[in-house]
Amino acid sequence: MKNDITEAKEKAIVYQVELKKERKKYRSENGWSIDWEAVPDSIMVYALALEKTKEVQGLVGLKDDVPAHAVYIHWMSSAPHNNKIKQGIRTFNNVGEQLFRIAVNKSVELGYEGVVHGFATSLRLLKHYMRRYGAKYLGLLHQYHFFIDEEQAKKLLEENFDGGDET
């Protein structure tokens, strides 16, 4: 991951945040999009963190959606210090991309060939997912329902995206 302020590159790790009490510090009152402690037990929450400091850069909640043969992205959010829209500046670039990669990797692990689906929070964000990651509009369960198919999932895992991210 590239630090936008110092331009230094840092290694990142992914780990599952299993206990609700561990999620307690990731709350809307601290700048997060949601209170992660309130995420249902059926959702697997993963943290993207810096390898050296273990500082969390983003969180993603995933569910094995067996009927859809896909992973459902319950919610994903950059850490407050990486949210350019809210903060005007971000520390690390492409956190959203890395969160999508976590979801796609989980889909591959579960045998769904990388297929994921979820709901964008706005039309602007939906269009960003479509343009940047090749997401397709689904619109079945929500007005901003999207999915990423096997082909786009493979590209997401193989390509290195440069530039900003809006998640």
Foldseek 3Di string as FASTA:
>chain_A
DAFPVVRDDFDKDKDWPQALVSQQVQDVVQPWPHRSSPPDNQWTKMFIATPPPRHTQKIWTWHCPPVVLFIETADITTRRQQACVVPVHHGDFPPVLVRLLVRQVVSVVVPSLSKYKYFDPDPVLLVVCCVPQVWDQDCDPHNRITMDHNVSRVCSVPDDDDDHDRD
